[in-house]
Amino acid sequence: MTKAEIVNEVAKKTGIEKIAVQNVVEGFMECVKDSLAKGNPVYLRGFGSFIIKHRAEKAARNITKNTTMTIPAHNIPAFKPAKVFVNEVKK
């Protein structure tokens, strides 16, 4: 499902104009990105959590040049679904 399809579904279900729904969806995504960039997780009860995972430094191989390189430690965004969400998807 794309962002445009989400906007269409929400607009259909709520009766709100698509432009307003699009602004809300984009605003939500911007808030999540800003919060994660500051190091703060986002918790949505019954849906899940947007969290930051730390990846340790590791060695990797460049197969084409046959060399070893080091990938530095870094943080990545991740989503952890709530148990209610997982159980609904399993059905």
PDB file of N, CA and C in Angstrom:
ATOM      1  N   MET A   1       0.852  -1.171   0.000  1.00  0.00           N
ATOM      2  CA  MET A   1       0.000   0.000   0.000  1.00  0.00           C
ATOM      3  C   MET A   1       0.900   1.238   0.000  1.00  0.00           C
ATOM      4  N   THR A   2       0.624   2.154  -0.880  1.00  0.00           N
ATOM      5  CA  THR A   2       1.419   3.376  -0.983  1.00  0.00           C
ATOM      6  C   THR A   2       0.821   4.480  -0.126  1.00  0.00           C
ATOM      7  N   LYS A   3       1.574   5.567   0.006  1.00  0.00           N
ATOM      8  CA  LYS A   3       1.081   6.703   0.781  1.00  0.00           C
ATOM      9  C   LYS A   3      -0.206   7.257   0.162  1.00  0.00           C
ATOM     10  N   ALA A   4      -0.260   7.315  -1.164  1.00  0.00           N
ATOM     11  CA  ALA A   4      -1.462   7.820  -1.857  1.00  0.00           C
ATOM     12  C   ALA A   4      -2.666   6.929  -1.569  1.00  0.00           C
ATOM     13  N   GLU A   5      -2.445   5.608  -1.526  1.00  0.00           N
ATOM     14  CA  GLU A   5      -3.550   4.696  -1.225  1.00  0.00           C
ATOM     15  C   GLU A   5      -4.012   4.857   0.222  1.00  0.00           C
ATOM     16  N   ILE A   6      -3.085   5.098   1.132  1.00  0.00           N
ATOM     17  CA  ILE A   6      -3.461   5.340   2.532  1.00  0.00           C
ATOM     18  C   ILE A   6      -4.292   6.603   2.628  1.00  0.00           C
ATOM     19  N   VAL A   7      -3.863   7.654   1.939  1.00  0.00           N
ATOM     20  CA  VAL A   7      -4.617   8.926   1.948  1.00  0.00           C
ATOM     21  C   VAL A   7      -6.021   8.704   1.406  1.00  0.00           C
ATOM     22  N   ASN A   8      -6.156   7.963   0.310  1.00  0.00           N
ATOM     23  CA  ASN A   8      -7.470   7.699  -0.273  1.00  0.00           C
ATOM     24  C   ASN A   8      -8.362   6.922   0.688  1.00  0.00           C
ATOM     25  N   GLU A   9      -7.807   5.891   1.341  1.00  0.00           N
ATOM     26  CA  GLU A   9      -8.591   5.077   2.285  1.00  0.00           C
ATOM     27  C   GLU A   9      -9.067   5.902   3.474  1.00  0.00           C
ATOM     28  N   VAL A  10      -8.174   6.683   4.046  1.00  0.00           N
ATOM     29  CA  VAL A  10      -8.538   7.491   5.214  1.00  0.00           C
ATOM     30  C   VAL A  10      -9.570   8.540   4.818  1.00  0.00           C
ATOM     31  N   ALA A  11      -9.396   9.159   3.660  1.00  0.00           N
ATOM     32  CA  ALA A  11     -10.356  10.161   3.194  1.00  0.00           C
ATOM     33  C   ALA A  11     -11.727   9.537   2.982  1.00  0.00           C
ATOM     34  N   LYS A  12     -11.750   8.318   2.433  1.00  0.00           N
ATOM     35  CA  LYS A  12     -13.015   7.617   2.207  1.00  0.00           C
ATOM     36  C   LYS A  12     -13.710   7.279   3.522  1.00  0.00           C
ATOM     37  N   LYS A  13     -12.930   6.760   4.489  1.00  0.00           N
ATOM     38  CA  LYS A  13     -13.513   6.308   5.754  1.00  0.00           C
ATOM     39  C   LYS A  13     -13.936   7.453   6.655  1.00  0.00           C
ATOM     40  N   THR A  14     -13.239   8.596   6.569  1.00  0.00           N
ATOM     41  CA  THR A  14     -13.540   9.696   7.489  1.00  0.00           C
ATOM     42  C   THR A  14     -14.369  10.800   6.853  1.00  0.00           C
ATOM     43  N   GLY A  15     -14.355  10.896   5.541  1.00  0.00           N
ATOM     44  CA  GLY A  15     -15.090  11.963   4.873  1.00  0.00           C
ATOM     45  C   GLY A  15     -14.316  13.269   4.841  1.00  0.00           C
ATOM     46  N   ILE A  16     -13.062  13.245   5.231  1.00  0.00           N
ATOM     47  CA  ILE A  16     -12.220  14.438   5.213  1.00  0.00           C
ATOM     48  C   ILE A  16     -11.587  14.557   3.830  1.00  0.00           C
ATOM     49  N   GLU A  17     -11.344  15.796   3.394  1.00  0.00           N
ATOM     50  CA  GLU A  17     -10.755  16.022   2.074  1.00  0.00           C
ATOM     51  C   GLU A  17      -9.374  15.377   1.979  1.00  0.00           C
ATOM     52  N   LYS A  18      -9.040  14.914   0.767  1.00  0.00           N
ATOM     53  CA  LYS A  18      -7.766  14.231   0.552  1.00  0.00           C
ATOM     54  C   LYS A  18      -6.561  15.122   0.874  1.00  0.00           C
ATOM     55  N   ILE A  19      -6.667  16.395   0.564  1.00  0.00           N
ATOM     56  CA  ILE A  19      -5.534  17.305   0.813  1.00  0.00           C
ATOM     57  C   ILE A  19      -5.269  17.408   2.307  1.00  0.00           C
ATOM     58  N   ALA A  20      -6.319  17.491   3.101  1.00  0.00           N
ATOM     59  CA  ALA A  20      -6.152  17.572   4.550  1.00  0.00           C
ATOM     60  C   ALA A  20      -5.571  16.277   5.097  1.00  0.00           C
ATOM     61  N   VAL A  21      -6.057  15.151   4.604  1.00  0.00           N
ATOM     62  CA  VAL A  21      -5.545  13.847   5.049  1.00  0.00           C
ATOM     63  C   VAL A  21      -4.084  13.711   4.655  1.00  0.00           C
ATOM     64  N   GLN A  22      -3.727  14.127   3.453  1.00  0.00           N
ATOM     65  CA  GLN A  22      -2.337  14.042   2.999  1.00  0.00           C
ATOM     66  C   GLN A  22      -1.434  14.879   3.897  1.00  0.00           C
ATOM     67  N   ASN A  23      -1.874  16.074   4.276  1.00  0.00           N
ATOM     68  CA  ASN A  23      -1.082  16.919   5.167  1.00  0.00           C
ATOM     69  C   ASN A  23      -0.895  16.263   6.530  1.00  0.00           C
ATOM     70  N   VAL A  24      -1.927  15.610   7.027  1.00  0.00           N
ATOM     71  CA  VAL A  24      -1.835  14.931   8.318  1.00  0.00           C
ATOM     72  C   VAL A  24      -0.874  13.744   8.234  1.00  0.00           C
ATOM     73  N   VAL A  25      -0.996  12.938   7.183  1.00  0.00           N
ATOM     74  CA  VAL A  25      -0.124  11.771   7.019  1.00  0.00           C
ATOM     75  C   VAL A  25       1.332  12.215   6.895  1.00  0.00           C
ATOM     76  N   GLU A  26       1.595  13.225   6.077  1.00  0.00           N
ATOM     77  CA  GLU A  26       2.962  13.722   5.923  1.00  0.00           C
ATOM     78  C   GLU A  26       3.472  14.346   7.214  1.00  0.00           C
ATOM     79  N   GLY A  27       2.599  15.042   7.941  1.00  0.00           N
ATOM     80  CA  GLY A  27       2.981  15.608   9.232  1.00  0.00           C
ATOM     81  C   GLY A  27       3.325  14.528  10.240  1.00  0.00           C
ATOM     82  N   PHE A  28       2.552  13.445  10.245  1.00  0.00           N
ATOM     83  CA  PHE A  28       2.835  12.316  11.140  1.00  0.00           C
ATOM     84  C   PHE A  28       4.198  11.717  10.830  1.00  0.00           C
ATOM     85  N   MET A  29       4.453  11.472   9.550  1.00  0.00           N
ATOM     86  CA  MET A  29       5.732  10.872   9.164  1.00  0.00           C
ATOM     87  C   MET A  29       6.891  11.792   9.524  1.00  0.00           C
ATOM     88  N   GLU A  30       6.713  13.078   9.359  1.00  0.00           N
ATOM     89  CA  GLU A  30       7.763  14.044   9.706  1.00  0.00           C
ATOM     90  C   GLU A  30       8.021  14.044  11.212  1.00  0.00           C
ATOM     91  N   CYS A  31       6.957  13.959  12.011  1.00  0.00           N
ATOM     92  CA  CYS A  31       7.113  13.895  13.470  1.00  0.00           C
ATOM     93  C   CYS A  31       7.870  12.644  13.889  1.00  0.00           C
ATOM     94  N   VAL A  32       7.563  11.507  13.270  1.00  0.00           N
ATOM     95  CA  VAL A  32       8.246  10.253  13.595  1.00  0.00           C
ATOM     96  C   VAL A  32       9.724  10.370  13.230  1.00  0.00           C
ATOM     97  N   LYS A  33      10.019  10.891  12.041  1.00  0.00           N
ATOM     98  CA  LYS A  33      11.413  11.042  11.615  1.00  0.00           C
ATOM     99  C   LYS A  33      12.179  11.982  12.542  1.00  0.00           C
ATOM    100  N   ASP A  34      11.574  13.114  12.888  1.00  0.00           N
ATOM    101  CA  ASP A  34      12.244  14.072  13.771  1.00  0.00           C
ATOM    102  C   ASP A  34      12.510  13.473  15.143  1.00  0.00           C
ATOM    103  N   SER A  35      11.543  12.755  15.670  1.00  0.00           N
ATOM    104  CA  SER A  35      11.699  12.147  16.982  1.00  0.00           C
ATOM    105  C   SER A  35      12.815  11.114  16.977  1.00  0.00           C
ATOM    106  N   LEU A  36      12.841  10.257  15.960  1.00  0.00           N
ATOM    107  CA  LEU A  36      13.894   9.243  15.867  1.00  0.00           C
ATOM    108  C   LEU A  36      15.262   9.879  15.648  1.00  0.00           C
ATOM    109  N   ALA A  37      15.311  10.961  14.873  1.00  0.00           N
ATOM    110  CA  ALA A  37      16.584  11.640  14.632  1.00  0.00           C
ATOM    111  C   ALA A  37      17.151  12.218  15.930  1.00  0.00           C
ATOM    112  N   LYS A  38      16.269  12.607  16.847  1.00  0.00           N
ATOM    113  CA  LYS A  38      16.697  13.131  18.144  1.00  0.00           C
ATOM    114  C   LYS A  38      17.005  12.018  19.142  1.00  0.00           C
ATOM    115  N   GLY A  39      16.746  10.771  18.754  1.00  0.00           N
ATOM    116  CA  GLY A  39      17.033   9.636  19.631  1.00  0.00           C
ATOM    117  C   GLY A  39      15.865   9.208  20.492  1.00  0.00           C
ATOM    118  N   ASN A  40      14.668   9.719  20.210  1.00  0.00           N
ATOM    119  CA  ASN A  40      13.482   9.383  20.991  1.00  0.00           C
ATOM    120  C   ASN A  40      12.595   8.402  20.235  1.00  0.00           C
ATOM    121  N   PRO A  41      12.264   7.260  20.845  1.00  0.00           N
ATOM    122  CA  PRO A  41      11.347   6.324  20.179  1.00  0.00           C
ATOM    123  C   PRO A  41       9.914   6.862  20.173  1.00  0.00           C
ATOM    124  N   VAL A  42       9.091   6.323  19.280  1.00  0.00           N
ATOM    125  CA  VAL A  42       7.683   6.705  19.176  1.00  0.00           C
ATOM    126  C   VAL A  42       6.837   5.478  19.483  1.00  0.00           C
ATOM    127  N   TYR A  43       5.980   5.568  20.503  1.00  0.00           N
ATOM    128  CA  TYR A  43       5.133   4.452  20.927  1.00  0.00           C
ATOM    129  C   TYR A  43       3.682   4.731  20.539  1.00  0.00           C
ATOM    130  N   LEU A  44       3.072   3.806  19.807  1.00  0.00           N
ATOM    131  CA  LEU A  44       1.666   3.915  19.421  1.00  0.00           C
ATOM    132  C   LEU A  44       0.954   2.684  19.986  1.00  0.00           C
ATOM    133  N   ARG A  45       0.253   2.873  21.101  1.00  0.00           N
ATOM    134  CA  ARG A  45      -0.400   1.766  21.792  1.00  0.00           C
ATOM    135  C   ARG A  45      -1.355   1.022  20.852  1.00  0.00           C
ATOM    136  N   GLY A  46      -1.226  -0.294  20.823  1.00  0.00           N
ATOM    137  CA  GLY A  46      -2.080  -1.131  19.983  1.00  0.00           C
ATOM    138  C   GLY A  46      -1.595  -1.258  18.550  1.00  0.00           C
ATOM    139  N   PHE A  47      -0.570  -0.494  18.189  1.00  0.00           N
ATOM    140  CA  PHE A  47      -0.041  -0.549  16.822  1.00  0.00           C
ATOM    141  C   PHE A  47       1.409  -1.012  16.828  1.00  0.00           C
ATOM    142  N   GLY A  48       2.278  -0.289  17.537  1.00  0.00           N
ATOM    143  CA  GLY A  48       3.677  -0.676  17.607  1.00  0.00           C
ATOM    144  C   GLY A  48       4.562   0.482  17.989  1.00  0.00           C
ATOM    145  N   SER A  49       5.849   0.264  17.894  1.00  0.00           N
ATOM    146  CA  SER A  49       6.832   1.271  18.282  1.00  0.00           C
ATOM    147  C   SER A  49       7.842   1.480  17.170  1.00  0.00           C
ATOM    148  N   PHE A  50       8.154   2.730  16.905  1.00  0.00           N
ATOM    149  CA  PHE A  50       9.248   3.085  16.022  1.00  0.00           C
ATOM    150  C   PHE A  50      10.435   3.322  16.947  1.00  0.00           C
ATOM    151  N   ILE A  51      11.475   2.506  16.787  1.00  0.00           N
ATOM    152  CA  ILE A  51      12.609   2.554  17.698  1.00  0.00           C
ATOM    153  C   ILE A  51      13.902   2.712  16.913  1.00  0.00           C
ATOM    154  N   ILE A  52      14.983   2.952  17.640  1.00  0.00           N
ATOM    155  CA  ILE A  52      16.300   3.054  17.041  1.00  0.00           C
ATOM    156  C   ILE A  52      17.100   1.841  17.485  1.00  0.00           C
ATOM    157  N   LYS A  53      17.655   1.121  16.524  1.00  0.00           N
ATOM    158  CA  LYS A  53      18.504  -0.031  16.826  1.00  0.00           C
ATOM    159  C   LYS A  53      19.951   0.344  16.546  1.00  0.00           C
ATOM    160  N   HIS A  54      20.827  -0.093  17.426  1.00  0.00           N
ATOM    161  CA  HIS A  54      22.244   0.185  17.268  1.00  0.00           C
ATOM    162  C   HIS A  54      22.907  -1.023  16.602  1.00  0.00           C
ATOM    163  N   ARG A  55      23.644  -0.782  15.556  1.00  0.00           N
ATOM    164  CA  ARG A  55      24.398  -1.820  14.873  1.00  0.00           C
ATOM    165  C   ARG A  55      25.874  -1.645  15.243  1.00  0.00           C
ATOM    166  N   ALA A  56      26.482  -2.709  15.726  1.00  0.00           N
ATOM    167  CA  ALA A  56      27.886  -2.660  16.127  1.00  0.00           C
ATOM    168  C   ALA A  56      28.796  -2.627  14.905  1.00  0.00           C
ATOM    169  N   GLU A  57      30.028  -2.211  15.120  1.00  0.00           N
ATOM    170  CA  GLU A  57      31.014  -2.222  14.052  1.00  0.00           C
ATOM    171  C   GLU A  57      31.266  -3.663  13.620  1.00  0.00           C
ATOM    172  N   LYS A  58      31.431  -3.852  12.313  1.00  0.00           N
ATOM    173  CA  LYS A  58      31.680  -5.214  11.833  1.00  0.00           C
ATOM    174  C   LYS A  58      32.567  -5.183  10.609  1.00  0.00           C
ATOM    175  N   ALA A  59      33.162  -6.333  10.332  1.00  0.00           N
ATOM    176  CA  ALA A  59      34.007  -6.476   9.153  1.00  0.00           C
ATOM    177  C   ALA A  59      33.167  -7.046   8.017  1.00  0.00           C
ATOM    178  N   ALA A  60      33.408  -6.536   6.817  1.00  0.00           N
ATOM    179  CA  ALA A  60      32.688  -7.017   5.630  1.00  0.00           C
ATOM    180  C   ALA A  60      33.700  -7.225   4.519  1.00  0.00           C
ATOM    181  N   ARG A  61      33.281  -7.958   3.506  1.00  0.00           N
ATOM    182  CA  ARG A  61      34.177  -8.232   2.383  1.00  0.00           C
ATOM    183  C   ARG A  61      33.631  -7.610   1.111  1.00  0.00           C
ATOM    184  N   ASN A  62      34.533  -6.998   0.362  1.00  0.00           N
ATOM    185  CA  ASN A  62      34.216  -6.519  -0.969  1.00  0.00           C
ATOM    186  C   ASN A  62      34.623  -7.637  -1.922  1.00  0.00           C
ATOM    187  N   ILE A  63      33.655  -8.355  -2.442  1.00  0.00           N
ATOM    188  CA  ILE A  63      33.926  -9.551  -3.242  1.00  0.00           C
ATOM    189  C   ILE A  63      34.642  -9.206  -4.547  1.00  0.00           C
ATOM    190  N   THR A  64      34.287  -8.088  -5.167  1.00  0.00           N
ATOM    191  CA  THR A  64      34.891  -7.751  -6.459  1.00  0.00           C
ATOM    192  C   THR A  64      36.375  -7.423  -6.335  1.00  0.00           C
ATOM    193  N   LYS A  65      36.776  -6.750  -5.254  1.00  0.00           N
ATOM    194  CA  LYS A  65      38.185  -6.389  -5.064  1.00  0.00           C
ATOM    195  C   LYS A  65      38.912  -7.367  -4.147  1.00  0.00           C
ATOM    196  N   ASN A  66      38.159  -8.291  -3.549  1.00  0.00           N
ATOM    197  CA  ASN A  66      38.699  -9.279  -2.626  1.00  0.00           C
ATOM    198  C   ASN A  66      39.446  -8.614  -1.466  1.00  0.00           C
ATOM    199  N   THR A  67      38.795  -7.608  -0.866  1.00  0.00           N
ATOM    200  CA  THR A  67      39.378  -6.902   0.277  1.00  0.00           C
ATOM    201  C   THR A  67      38.402  -6.916   1.442  1.00  0.00           C
ATOM    202  N   THR A  68      38.962  -6.693   2.616  1.00  0.00           N
ATOM    203  CA  THR A  68      38.133  -6.593   3.816  1.00  0.00           C
ATOM    204  C   THR A  68      37.995  -5.123   4.178  1.00  0.00           C
ATOM    205  N   MET A  69      36.803  -4.736   4.583  1.00  0.00           N
ATOM    206  CA  MET A  69      36.570  -3.364   5.011  1.00  0.00           C
ATOM    207  C   MET A  69      35.775  -3.365   6.300  1.00  0.00           C
ATOM    208  N   THR A  70      35.842  -2.284   7.027  1.00  0.00           N
ATOM    209  CA  THR A  70      35.139  -2.172   8.298  1.00  0.00           C
ATOM    210  C   THR A  70      33.929  -1.270   8.122  1.00  0.00           C
ATOM    211  N   ILE A  71      32.790  -1.772   8.548  1.00  0.00           N
ATOM    212  CA  ILE A  71      31.573  -0.966   8.557  1.00  0.00           C
ATOM    213  C   ILE A  71      31.451  -0.400   9.970  1.00  0.00           C
ATOM    214  N   PRO A  72      31.451   0.926  10.118  1.00  0.00           N
ATOM    215  CA  PRO A  72      31.421   1.511  11.459  1.00  0.00           C
ATOM    216  C   PRO A  72      30.085   1.272  12.161  1.00  0.00           C
ATOM    217  N   ALA A  73      30.097   1.412  13.478  1.00  0.00           N
ATOM    218  CA  ALA A  73      28.864   1.297  14.257  1.00  0.00           C
ATOM    219  C   ALA A  73      27.912   2.411  13.837  1.00  0.00           C
ATOM    220  N   HIS A  74      26.622   2.096  13.805  1.00  0.00           N
ATOM    221  CA  HIS A  74      25.637   3.095  13.391  1.00  0.00           C
ATOM    222  C   HIS A  74      24.263   2.728  13.949  1.00  0.00           C
ATOM    223  N   ASN A  75      23.361   3.683  13.875  1.00  0.00           N
ATOM    224  CA  ASN A  75      21.979   3.476  14.316  1.00  0.00           C
ATOM    225  C   ASN A  75      21.076   3.381  13.098  1.00  0.00           C
ATOM    226  N   ILE A  76      20.029   2.547  13.203  1.00  0.00           N
ATOM    227  CA  ILE A  76      19.051   2.427  12.125  1.00  0.00           C
ATOM    228  C   ILE A  76      17.649   2.499  12.723  1.00  0.00           C
ATOM    229  N   PRO A  77      16.686   3.044  11.989  1.00  0.00           N
ATOM    230  CA  PRO A  77      15.307   3.032  12.475  1.00  0.00           C
ATOM    231  C   PRO A  77      14.711   1.643  12.302  1.00  0.00           C
ATOM    232  N   ALA A  78      13.802   1.288  13.202  1.00  0.00           N
ATOM    233  CA  ALA A  78      13.150  -0.017  13.129  1.00  0.00           C
ATOM    234  C   ALA A  78      11.725   0.122  13.650  1.00  0.00           C
ATOM    235  N   PHE A  79      10.883  -0.834  13.278  1.00  0.00           N
ATOM    236  CA  PHE A  79       9.506  -0.868  13.756  1.00  0.00           C
ATOM    237  C   PHE A  79       9.279  -2.179  14.475  1.00  0.00           C
ATOM    238  N   LYS A  80       8.714  -2.101  15.668  1.00  0.00           N
ATOM    239  CA  LYS A  80       8.380  -3.302  16.426  1.00  0.00           C
ATOM    240  C   LYS A  80       6.867  -3.301  16.630  1.00  0.00           C
ATOM    241  N   PRO A  81       6.149  -4.220  15.984  1.00  0.00           N
ATOM    242  CA  PRO A  81       4.691  -4.223  16.097  1.00  0.00           C
ATOM    243  C   PRO A  81       4.230  -4.646  17.494  1.00  0.00           C
ATOM    244  N   ALA A  82       3.061  -4.136  17.888  1.00  0.00           N
ATOM    245  CA  ALA A  82       2.456  -4.516  19.164  1.00  0.00           C
ATOM    246  C   ALA A  82       1.911  -5.939  19.057  1.00  0.00           C
ATOM    247  N   LYS A  83       1.741  -6.597  20.200  1.00  0.00           N
ATOM    248  CA  LYS A  83       1.237  -7.974  20.206  1.00  0.00           C
ATOM    249  C   LYS A  83      -0.146  -8.064  19.577  1.00  0.00           C
ATOM    250  N   VAL A  84      -0.992  -7.075  19.831  1.00  0.00           N
ATOM    251  CA  VAL A  84      -2.335  -7.054  19.244  1.00  0.00           C
ATOM    252  C   VAL A  84      -2.232  -7.015  17.714  1.00  0.00           C
ATOM    253  N   PHE A  85      -1.329  -6.215  17.212  1.00  0.00           N
ATOM    254  CA  PHE A  85      -1.110  -6.075  15.772  1.00  0.00           C
ATOM    255  C   PHE A  85      -0.619  -7.408  15.190  1.00  0.00           C
ATOM    256  N   VAL A  86       0.347  -8.034  15.842  1.00  0.00           N
ATOM    257  CA  VAL A  86       0.899  -9.303  15.381  1.00  0.00           C
ATOM    258  C   VAL A  86      -0.184 -10.371  15.342  1.00  0.00           C
ATOM    259  N   ASN A  87      -1.008 -10.429  16.376  1.00  0.00           N
ATOM    260  CA  ASN A  87      -2.068 -11.443  16.446  1.00  0.00           C
ATOM    261  C   ASN A  87      -3.103 -11.250  15.343  1.00  0.00           C
ATOM    262  N   GLU A  88      -3.406  -9.997  14.991  1.00  0.00           N
ATOM    263  CA  GLU A  88      -4.368  -9.749  13.904  1.00  0.00           C
ATOM    264  C   GLU A  88      -3.809 -10.181  12.559  1.00  0.00           C
ATOM    265  N   VAL A  89      -2.516  -9.958  12.349  1.00  0.00           N
ATOM    266  CA  VAL A  89      -1.902 -10.332  11.082  1.00  0.00           C
ATOM    267  C   VAL A  89      -1.796 -11.839  10.955  1.00  0.00           C
ATOM    268  N   LYS A  90      -1.595 -12.536  12.079  1.00  0.00           N
ATOM    269  CA  LYS A  90      -1.469 -13.991  12.061  1.00  0.00           C
ATOM    270  C   LYS A  90      -2.756 -14.699  11.674  1.00  0.00           C
ATOM    271  N   LYS A  91      -3.895 -14.066  11.878  1.00  0.00           N
ATOM    272  CA  LYS A  91      -5.180 -14.715  11.595  1.00  0.00           C
ATOM    273  C   LYS A  91      -5.315 -15.107  10.160  1.00  0.00           C
TER     274      LYS A  91
END
